[in-house]
Amino acid sequence: MSELRKFRCVRWVVLIVACGGIVWMIISDPQAHARTSLMIVLIAVLATFGPLLIQSHIIGAAEVLLDRKCDPAALVRRGDKMKLTDRTPNNGLYRVEAVFLHRYGIALSDVGRMQDAAKVRRRIEEGLAKRQKPTMNADCTVMDMCLADLCARLGDAEAAKAYADQYQEGLKHLPESVLTKEGQDLELLGRVMLSSSAVLFLSKCGALPFDEGNVNVLDVGSRRRHLTAEARMVLAEDARRKGDLVRERKLLEQVADAAPGMRVGQLAAKRLAFYNGTGTSAGYDETLQPAEPVDVHPAVLKNYEKKN
């Protein structure tokens, strides 16, 4: 059983036990004074949010392996132990769970386990399909963004475009409850992520919709090093096309330094070796594209026009 499903089971058990405890306290002391009432409230709060906080901590500790340490192999080992390719919870995925699965999918594709990465794609799609009210919050929009990126890594260009378009549609229908800054952050994150994956894994060409300033904003605190490394690789390729070799070399150095354990960092190191006269031009003949598309199938489409 997937750890995500176990978390749901544990949460229900805790809630049931807490409810039983509250009922017992009320029955044993019908004239509950302030102290007992406070205990009831405290138990209810802990039972509701305690398991979620523990789950978020565990997921956050695992995501660090890719987001900050750029160590996909370590995240794959962690995800394998958690059985993340197993069936998703019956009532769908929370946003934090979908994002975690996306990170696991990135790590799997980076170490060459493309079929398992495709399974992760299907797990996220299961979570997206179970959402009945896509405009209630930003969760479906985030899942669209994650799926567009993952489909690009799997070579499914048609599905990647469908999810990217749906992500843009989701941005237009973000609810008022989503703060303006959160919407802006999500727009910038998606713009950089999806443009980078389209160039690196689908060989899309054209003017880039982001620059080094945008990447630097996302790099604050080194919370998204794998993403910014890939974005800088795209900028390096753009600089080379424009003949700005000094800028290209600087960007390649940043990529190689930030993500030595990822394919993008290793490719940057090969290209730097050519610059330094210690390697061949073979690095410019390599790409990060998959050898062939994996598990190609239609995207899960949602109706963002429908009012909740």
Protein backbone atom coordinates (compact mmCIF):
# COMPACT_ATOMS: atom_id res chain seq x y z
CA MET A 1 0.00 0.00 0.00
CA SER A 2 1.24 3.48 -0.88
CA GLU A 3 2.35 5.65 2.04
CA LEU A 4 -0.14 8.26 0.79
CA ARG A 5 -3.00 5.82 1.36
CA LYS A 6 -1.57 4.84 4.76
CA PHE A 7 -1.53 8.51 5.79
CA ARG A 8 -5.25 8.74 4.99
CA CYS A 9 -6.00 5.60 7.01
CA VAL A 10 -4.00 6.86 9.98
CA ARG A 11 -5.78 10.20 9.82
CA TRP A 12 -9.20 8.53 9.97
CA VAL A 13 -8.14 6.31 12.86
CA VAL A 14 -6.87 9.33 14.80
CA LEU A 15 -10.09 11.24 14.12
CA ILE A 16 -12.25 8.31 15.25
CA VAL A 17 -10.22 7.80 18.43
CA ALA A 18 -10.31 11.54 19.14
CA CYS A 19 -14.08 11.66 18.65
CA GLY A 20 -14.43 8.70 21.02
CA GLY A 21 -12.29 10.49 23.59
CA ILE A 22 -14.34 13.66 23.29
CA VAL A 23 -17.62 11.74 23.71
CA TRP A 24 -16.21 9.98 26.78
CA MET A 25 -15.14 13.29 28.33
CA ILE A 26 -18.57 14.80 27.77
CA ILE A 27 -20.40 11.75 29.18
CA SER A 28 -18.12 11.47 32.20
CA ASP A 29 -18.50 15.17 32.99
CA PRO A 30 -21.75 16.60 31.57
CA GLN A 31 -21.15 19.86 33.42
CA ALA A 32 -17.79 20.30 31.71
CA HIS A 33 -15.96 23.31 33.01
CA ALA A 34 -13.59 25.51 31.02
CA ARG A 35 -10.58 23.22 31.40
CA THR A 36 -12.43 20.22 29.99
CA SER A 37 -13.82 22.30 27.13
CA LEU A 38 -10.33 23.48 26.29
CA MET A 39 -9.07 19.88 26.26
CA ILE A 40 -11.87 18.92 23.87
CA VAL A 41 -10.95 21.72 21.48
CA LEU A 42 -7.26 20.84 21.70
CA ILE A 43 -7.92 17.15 20.96
CA ALA A 44 -10.09 18.06 17.98
CA VAL A 45 -7.46 20.39 16.53
CA LEU A 46 -4.62 17.91 17.01
CA ALA A 47 -6.64 15.06 15.53
CA THR A 48 -7.54 17.16 12.49
CA PHE A 49 -4.23 18.80 11.70
CA GLY A 50 -1.63 16.64 13.47
CA PRO A 51 -1.45 13.87 10.84
CA LEU A 52 -1.39 16.47 8.05
CA LEU A 53 1.54 18.29 9.64
CA ILE A 54 3.45 15.03 10.10
CA GLN A 55 2.77 14.05 6.49
CA SER A 56 3.89 17.48 5.24
CA HIS A 57 7.11 17.18 7.25
CA ILE A 58 7.88 13.72 5.82
CA ILE A 59 7.12 14.83 2.27
CA GLY A 60 9.13 18.03 2.68
CA ALA A 61 12.16 16.09 3.92
CA ALA A 62 11.95 13.84 0.85
CA GLU A 63 11.47 16.71 -1.63
CA VAL A 64 14.64 18.36 -0.33
CA LEU A 65 16.61 15.48 -1.89
CA LEU A 66 15.71 16.82 -5.34
CA ASP A 67 14.76 20.45 -4.78
CA ARG A 68 17.91 21.43 -2.87
CA LYS A 69 20.38 18.56 -3.11
CA CYS A 70 19.62 17.66 -6.76
CA ASP A 71 20.02 13.97 -5.90
CA PRO A 72 17.37 12.12 -7.93
CA ALA A 73 18.75 8.69 -7.00
CA ALA A 74 18.20 9.40 -3.29
CA LEU A 75 14.64 10.57 -3.91
CA VAL A 76 13.95 7.46 -6.00
CA ARG A 77 15.10 5.25 -3.13
CA ARG A 78 12.88 7.16 -0.71
CA GLY A 79 9.91 7.06 -3.07
CA ASP A 80 10.35 3.34 -3.71
CA LYS A 81 10.19 2.65 0.02
CA MET A 82 6.98 4.68 0.18
CA LYS A 83 5.52 2.69 -2.76
CA LEU A 84 4.45 5.87 -4.50
CA THR A 85 3.55 4.16 -7.77
CA ASP A 86 0.73 2.27 -6.04
CA ARG A 87 -2.90 3.35 -6.30
CA THR A 88 -3.79 6.81 -5.01
CA PRO A 89 -6.22 7.45 -2.13
CA ASN A 90 -9.87 6.91 -3.10
CA ASN A 91 -10.80 10.54 -2.48
CA GLY A 92 -8.00 11.97 -4.63
CA LEU A 93 -4.78 13.80 -3.88
CA TYR A 94 -3.97 16.85 -1.82
CA ARG A 95 -1.85 19.42 -3.61
CA VAL A 96 1.23 18.60 -1.52
CA GLU A 97 0.85 14.93 -2.46
CA ALA A 98 0.53 15.68 -6.19
CA VAL A 99 3.62 17.91 -6.09
CA PHE A 100 5.54 15.19 -4.24
CA LEU A 101 4.57 12.62 -6.87
CA HIS A 102 5.72 15.06 -9.55
CA ARG A 103 9.13 15.36 -7.91
CA TYR A 104 9.33 11.57 -7.68
CA GLY A 105 8.43 11.32 -11.37
CA ILE A 106 11.20 13.78 -12.28
CA ALA A 107 13.70 11.73 -10.28
CA LEU A 108 12.58 8.47 -11.90
CA SER A 109 12.93 9.89 -15.41
CA ASP A 110 16.33 11.34 -14.55
CA VAL A 111 17.70 7.95 -13.49
CA GLY A 112 16.24 6.28 -16.58
CA ARG A 113 13.20 4.54 -15.07
CA MET A 114 10.81 5.91 -17.66
CA GLN A 115 8.11 3.26 -17.25
CA ASP A 116 7.89 3.96 -13.53
CA ALA A 117 7.77 7.69 -14.25
CA ALA A 118 4.82 6.96 -16.55
CA LYS A 119 3.09 5.17 -13.66
CA VAL A 120 3.55 8.28 -11.55
CA ARG A 121 1.97 10.35 -14.31
CA ARG A 122 -1.08 8.07 -14.17
CA ARG A 123 -1.26 8.40 -10.38
CA ILE A 124 -1.39 12.20 -10.65
CA GLU A 125 -3.96 11.92 -13.43
CA GLU A 126 -6.10 9.73 -11.16
CA GLY A 127 -5.97 12.47 -8.55
CA LEU A 128 -6.87 15.14 -11.11
CA ALA A 129 -9.77 13.10 -12.51
CA LYS A 130 -11.32 12.78 -9.02
CA ARG A 131 -11.48 16.55 -8.57
CA GLN A 132 -15.06 17.67 -9.26
CA LYS A 133 -14.62 21.42 -8.69
CA PRO A 134 -11.43 22.56 -10.46
CA THR A 135 -12.01 26.27 -9.78
CA MET A 136 -12.57 25.87 -6.03
CA ASN A 137 -8.82 26.36 -5.41
CA ALA A 138 -5.50 26.20 -7.26
CA ASP A 139 -4.97 22.46 -6.77
CA CYS A 140 -6.09 21.36 -10.26
CA THR A 141 -4.04 24.14 -11.85
CA VAL A 142 -0.96 22.93 -9.98
CA MET A 143 -1.63 19.34 -11.07
CA ASP A 144 -1.95 20.52 -14.70
CA MET A 145 1.44 22.23 -14.41
CA CYS A 146 3.06 19.13 -12.91
CA LEU A 147 1.55 16.86 -15.56
CA ALA A 148 2.61 19.13 -18.43
CA ASP A 149 6.19 18.98 -17.18
CA LEU A 150 6.13 15.23 -16.58
CA CYS A 151 4.57 14.48 -19.98
CA ALA A 152 7.33 16.48 -21.66
CA ARG A 153 9.95 14.38 -19.87
CA LEU A 154 8.16 11.25 -21.10
CA GLY A 155 8.11 12.55 -24.66
CA ASP A 156 4.30 12.82 -24.88
CA ALA A 157 4.22 16.16 -26.69
CA GLU A 158 0.48 16.20 -27.34
CA ALA A 159 -0.46 15.57 -23.71
CA ALA A 160 2.19 18.04 -22.52
CA LYS A 161 0.63 20.76 -24.68
CA ALA A 162 -2.89 19.86 -23.54
CA TYR A 163 -1.90 20.11 -19.88
CA ALA A 164 0.05 23.33 -20.48
CA ASP A 165 -3.00 24.88 -22.16
CA GLN A 166 -5.23 23.66 -19.34
CA TYR A 167 -2.80 25.12 -16.80
CA GLN A 168 -3.09 28.50 -18.53
CA GLU A 169 -6.87 28.18 -18.43
CA GLY A 170 -6.71 27.34 -14.75
CA LEU A 171 -4.69 30.49 -14.06
CA LYS A 172 -7.49 32.57 -15.56
CA HIS A 173 -10.02 31.04 -13.20
CA LEU A 174 -8.14 31.09 -9.92
CA PRO A 175 -10.65 31.77 -7.12
CA GLU A 176 -10.64 35.03 -5.20
CA SER A 177 -9.54 33.10 -2.13
CA VAL A 178 -6.17 32.55 -3.80
CA LEU A 179 -4.02 35.52 -2.90
CA THR A 180 -2.73 37.64 -5.77
CA LYS A 181 0.88 36.89 -4.85
CA GLU A 182 0.23 33.14 -4.87
CA GLY A 183 -1.26 33.44 -8.34
CA GLN A 184 1.74 35.44 -9.55
CA ASP A 185 4.18 32.93 -8.06
CA LEU A 186 2.31 30.06 -9.70
CA GLU A 187 2.33 31.84 -13.06
CA LEU A 188 6.08 32.49 -12.93
CA LEU A 189 6.84 28.96 -11.73
CA GLY A 190 4.79 27.42 -14.53
CA ARG A 191 6.19 29.75 -17.18
CA VAL A 192 9.78 28.81 -16.34
CA MET A 193 9.13 25.11 -15.68
CA LEU A 194 7.04 24.36 -18.76
CA SER A 195 9.17 26.41 -21.14
CA SER A 196 12.30 24.67 -19.87
CA SER A 197 10.89 21.16 -20.15
CA ALA A 198 9.54 21.86 -23.65
CA VAL A 199 12.98 22.96 -24.84
CA LEU A 200 15.04 20.29 -23.07
CA PHE A 201 12.81 17.26 -23.55
CA LEU A 202 10.72 18.09 -26.63
CA SER A 203 13.25 20.28 -28.51
CA LYS A 204 10.81 23.18 -28.82
CA CYS A 205 12.30 26.33 -30.30
CA GLY A 206 11.37 29.98 -30.24
CA ALA A 207 11.72 33.03 -28.04
CA LEU A 208 11.98 32.21 -24.34
CA PRO A 209 9.26 33.69 -22.09
CA PHE A 210 11.67 34.09 -19.17
CA ASP A 211 15.12 35.49 -18.43
CA GLU A 212 17.85 35.18 -15.81
CA GLY A 213 16.03 37.62 -13.55
CA ASN A 214 13.00 35.32 -13.42
CA VAL A 215 15.22 32.33 -12.66
CA ASN A 216 16.99 34.22 -9.88
CA VAL A 217 13.62 34.95 -8.28
CA LEU A 218 12.83 31.23 -8.20
CA ASP A 219 16.32 30.44 -6.89
CA VAL A 220 15.92 32.44 -3.68
CA GLY A 221 16.84 30.17 -0.78
CA SER A 222 17.91 27.41 -3.20
CA ARG A 223 14.48 25.80 -2.79
CA ARG A 224 14.17 24.81 -6.46
CA ARG A 225 17.71 24.05 -7.57
CA HIS A 226 16.71 21.29 -9.96
CA LEU A 227 14.27 23.64 -11.71
CA THR A 228 16.64 26.59 -11.90
CA ALA A 229 19.46 24.34 -13.14
CA GLU A 230 17.30 23.20 -16.05
CA ALA A 231 16.14 26.75 -16.75
CA ARG A 232 19.74 27.99 -16.85
CA MET A 233 20.61 25.16 -19.24
CA VAL A 234 17.90 26.47 -21.57
CA LEU A 235 19.29 29.99 -21.22
CA ALA A 236 22.78 28.65 -21.99
CA GLU A 237 21.54 27.04 -25.20
CA ASP A 238 19.82 30.30 -26.11
CA ALA A 239 23.04 32.24 -25.46
CA ARG A 240 24.99 29.87 -27.71
CA ARG A 241 22.49 30.33 -30.54
CA LYS A 242 22.96 34.08 -30.21
CA GLY A 243 26.76 33.74 -30.23
CA ASP A 244 27.19 34.93 -26.63
CA LEU A 245 29.72 32.26 -25.61
CA VAL A 246 30.86 34.08 -22.47
CA ARG A 247 27.32 34.10 -21.11
CA GLU A 248 26.84 30.48 -22.15
CA ARG A 249 29.94 29.39 -20.26
CA LYS A 250 28.87 31.25 -17.14
CA LEU A 251 25.45 29.60 -17.21
CA LEU A 252 26.95 26.15 -17.83
CA GLU A 253 29.19 26.60 -14.80
CA GLN A 254 26.16 27.42 -12.66
CA VAL A 255 24.28 24.36 -13.91
CA ALA A 256 27.21 21.97 -13.44
CA ASP A 257 27.82 23.31 -9.93
CA ALA A 258 24.16 23.20 -8.86
CA ALA A 259 23.16 19.79 -10.18
CA PRO A 260 26.14 17.43 -10.57
CA GLY A 261 23.95 14.44 -9.74
CA MET A 262 21.39 15.16 -12.45
CA ARG A 263 21.60 14.56 -16.18
CA VAL A 264 21.34 18.27 -16.91
CA GLY A 265 24.33 19.00 -14.66
CA GLN A 266 26.37 16.20 -16.18
CA LEU A 267 25.60 17.45 -19.69
CA ALA A 268 26.65 20.95 -18.67
CA ALA A 269 29.92 19.53 -17.29
CA LYS A 270 30.64 17.82 -20.63
CA ARG A 271 30.10 21.05 -22.52
CA LEU A 272 32.32 22.93 -20.09
CA ALA A 273 35.07 20.33 -20.59
CA PHE A 274 34.97 21.12 -24.30
CA TYR A 275 35.37 24.82 -23.50
CA ASN A 276 38.30 24.06 -21.20
CA GLY A 277 40.02 21.88 -23.79
CA THR A 278 39.72 18.74 -21.67
CA GLY A 279 36.85 17.14 -23.57
CA THR A 280 35.30 16.74 -27.00
CA SER A 281 32.29 18.39 -28.58
CA ALA A 282 30.24 15.26 -27.91
CA GLY A 283 28.30 17.15 -25.22
CA TYR A 284 26.73 19.24 -27.96
CA ASP A 285 25.55 16.13 -29.78
CA GLU A 286 23.69 14.85 -26.72
CA THR A 287 20.20 15.86 -25.63
CA LEU A 288 17.98 15.16 -22.65
CA GLN A 289 15.13 13.93 -24.85
CA PRO A 290 13.82 10.41 -24.19
CA ALA A 291 14.82 7.86 -26.82
CA GLU A 292 11.12 7.39 -27.61
CA PRO A 293 7.81 8.55 -26.11
CA VAL A 294 6.62 6.50 -23.15
CA ASP A 295 3.01 5.53 -22.40
CA VAL A 296 1.42 8.06 -24.75
CA HIS A 297 -2.26 8.65 -23.97
CA PRO A 298 -4.75 11.55 -23.89
CA ALA A 299 -4.70 14.15 -21.15
CA VAL A 300 -7.34 14.32 -18.42
CA LEU A 301 -9.37 17.41 -19.25
CA LYS A 302 -11.28 19.56 -16.76
CA ASN A 303 -13.93 22.21 -17.33
CA TYR A 304 -12.66 25.44 -15.81
CA GLU A 305 -15.58 27.40 -17.23
CA LYS A 306 -18.11 25.53 -15.11
CA LYS A 307 -19.04 27.37 -11.94
CA ASN A 308 -18.78 25.49 -8.66
